[in-house]
Protein backbone atom coordinates (compact mmCIF):
# COMPACT_ATOMS: atom_id res chain seq x y z
CA MET A 1 2.09 -15.99 -2.94
CA THR A 2 -0.59 -13.42 -2.13
CA THR A 3 -0.67 -11.64 1.22
CA TYR A 4 -3.74 -9.75 2.45
CA ILE A 5 -3.05 -6.59 4.43
CA GLU A 6 -5.86 -4.83 6.25
CA GLY A 7 -5.56 -1.29 7.48
CA ARG A 8 -6.37 2.38 7.19
CA ILE A 9 -5.03 4.85 4.65
CA SER A 10 -2.64 7.22 6.41
CA GLY A 11 -2.50 9.89 3.68
CA LYS A 12 -3.74 10.90 0.25
CA PRO A 13 -2.68 8.37 -2.43
CA GLN A 14 -0.08 9.47 -4.97
CA ILE A 15 -1.30 8.89 -8.53
CA LEU A 16 1.66 8.68 -10.92
CA GLN A 17 2.60 7.33 -14.37
CA THR A 18 5.13 4.72 -15.39
CA ARG A 19 7.74 5.55 -18.02
CA SER A 20 5.42 4.01 -20.60
CA GLY A 21 2.54 6.28 -19.52
CA LYS A 22 0.47 3.74 -17.58
CA PRO A 23 -1.04 4.90 -14.27
CA TYR A 24 0.12 3.58 -10.93
CA ALA A 25 -0.44 4.69 -7.38
CA LYS A 26 1.37 4.60 -4.06
CA ILE A 27 -0.55 4.37 -0.81
CA LEU A 28 0.52 4.31 2.81
CA LEU A 29 -1.46 1.75 4.80
CA GLU A 30 -1.38 1.55 8.60
CA GLU A 31 -1.62 -2.16 9.24
CA GLU A 32 -4.58 -3.06 11.49
CA VAL A 33 -3.03 -6.01 13.34
CA ALA A 34 0.06 -4.05 14.22
CA ARG A 35 -2.04 -1.09 15.38
CA GLU A 36 -4.04 -3.33 17.73
CA ARG A 37 -0.83 -4.72 19.23
CA GLN A 38 0.77 -1.32 19.72
CA GLN A 39 0.14 0.19 23.16
CA GLN A 40 1.98 3.34 22.17
CA GLY A 41 4.45 4.41 19.54
CA THR A 42 4.35 4.48 15.78
CA PRO A 43 1.96 2.16 13.91
CA ASN A 44 3.33 -0.22 11.27
CA THR A 45 2.90 1.84 8.08
CA LEU A 46 3.50 0.08 4.76
CA LEU A 47 4.10 1.60 1.33
CA ILE A 48 2.10 -0.29 -1.29
CA SER A 49 2.37 0.25 -5.07
CA LEU A 50 -0.78 -0.28 -7.14
CA PHE A 51 -0.89 -1.09 -10.85
CA GLY A 52 -3.55 -2.10 -13.40
CA ARG A 53 -7.07 -0.99 -12.45
CA ALA A 54 -6.23 -0.36 -8.81
CA PRO A 55 -4.92 3.23 -9.27
CA GLU A 56 -8.31 4.28 -10.65
CA ARG A 57 -10.02 2.82 -7.57
CA ALA A 58 -7.46 4.40 -5.24
CA LYS A 59 -7.69 8.00 -6.46
CA ASP A 60 -10.66 8.85 -4.23
CA LEU A 61 -9.27 7.28 -1.05
CA GLN A 62 -8.96 9.56 1.95
CA ARG A 63 -6.97 9.41 5.17
CA GLY A 64 -8.67 6.98 7.56
CA ASP A 65 -10.44 4.92 4.87
CA ARG A 66 -10.34 1.25 5.78
CA LEU A 67 -9.50 -1.42 3.21
CA THR A 68 -7.80 -4.71 2.53
CA VAL A 69 -5.16 -4.99 -0.18
CA ALA A 70 -4.14 -8.28 -1.81
CA CYS A 71 -0.38 -7.91 -2.30
CA ARG A 72 2.49 -9.84 -3.72
CA MET A 73 6.08 -9.25 -2.70
CA GLN A 74 8.52 -8.31 -5.43
CA GLY A 75 12.27 -8.29 -4.95
CA THR A 76 14.19 -5.17 -5.94
CA ARG A 77 17.85 -4.71 -6.79
CA PHE A 78 19.75 -1.45 -7.16
CA GLU A 79 23.28 -0.20 -7.30
CA THR A 80 24.48 2.65 -5.06
CA GLU A 81 26.70 5.46 -6.33
CA SER A 82 29.68 3.63 -4.84
CA GLY A 83 28.84 0.49 -6.86
CA GLU A 84 27.46 -1.55 -3.97
CA ILE A 85 24.52 -3.81 -4.87
CA ARG A 86 21.55 -3.64 -2.48
CA TYR A 87 18.34 -5.60 -2.36
CA GLY A 88 14.88 -4.81 -1.03
CA VAL A 89 11.24 -5.84 -1.16
CA GLN A 90 8.33 -3.97 -2.70
CA LEU A 91 4.67 -4.65 -1.88
CA VAL A 92 2.64 -4.64 -5.09
CA GLY A 93 -1.11 -4.37 -4.57
CA GLU A 94 -3.12 -6.45 -7.02
CA GLN A 95 -6.65 -6.03 -5.62
CA ILE A 96 -8.30 -3.52 -3.30
CA TYR A 97 -11.25 -4.54 -1.12
CA PHE A 98 -13.11 -1.70 0.56
CA ALA A 99 -14.39 -2.31 4.08
CA ALA A 100 -18.15 -2.44 4.41
CA VAL A 101 -19.51 0.45 6.40
CA THR A 102 -22.13 -0.59 8.90
CA GLU A 103 -24.09 1.89 10.93
CA VAL A 104 -25.19 1.00 14.43
CA THR A 105 -28.41 2.67 15.54
């Protein structure tokens, strides 16, 4: 299932490499819907991992840039130092759609 998340970049993207040398990126996206609902307080900021061609497109993003990311949720599993198994969810961005900039005169 694909989920579309619209928002603004809240920091410079991290461009990294996988163990096999392929590029990936991590972006922090302040979700638009949550920001509109918030009267005050911290906006809903989501960490999204980008693979494939998306890291190349993300490298020039700046704080405040508006975009929509098509994401899929991926389950994660890890073991703590004490041996406890924990589970989580990772948002994996598959497509980036840049917001059209319109100028009002």
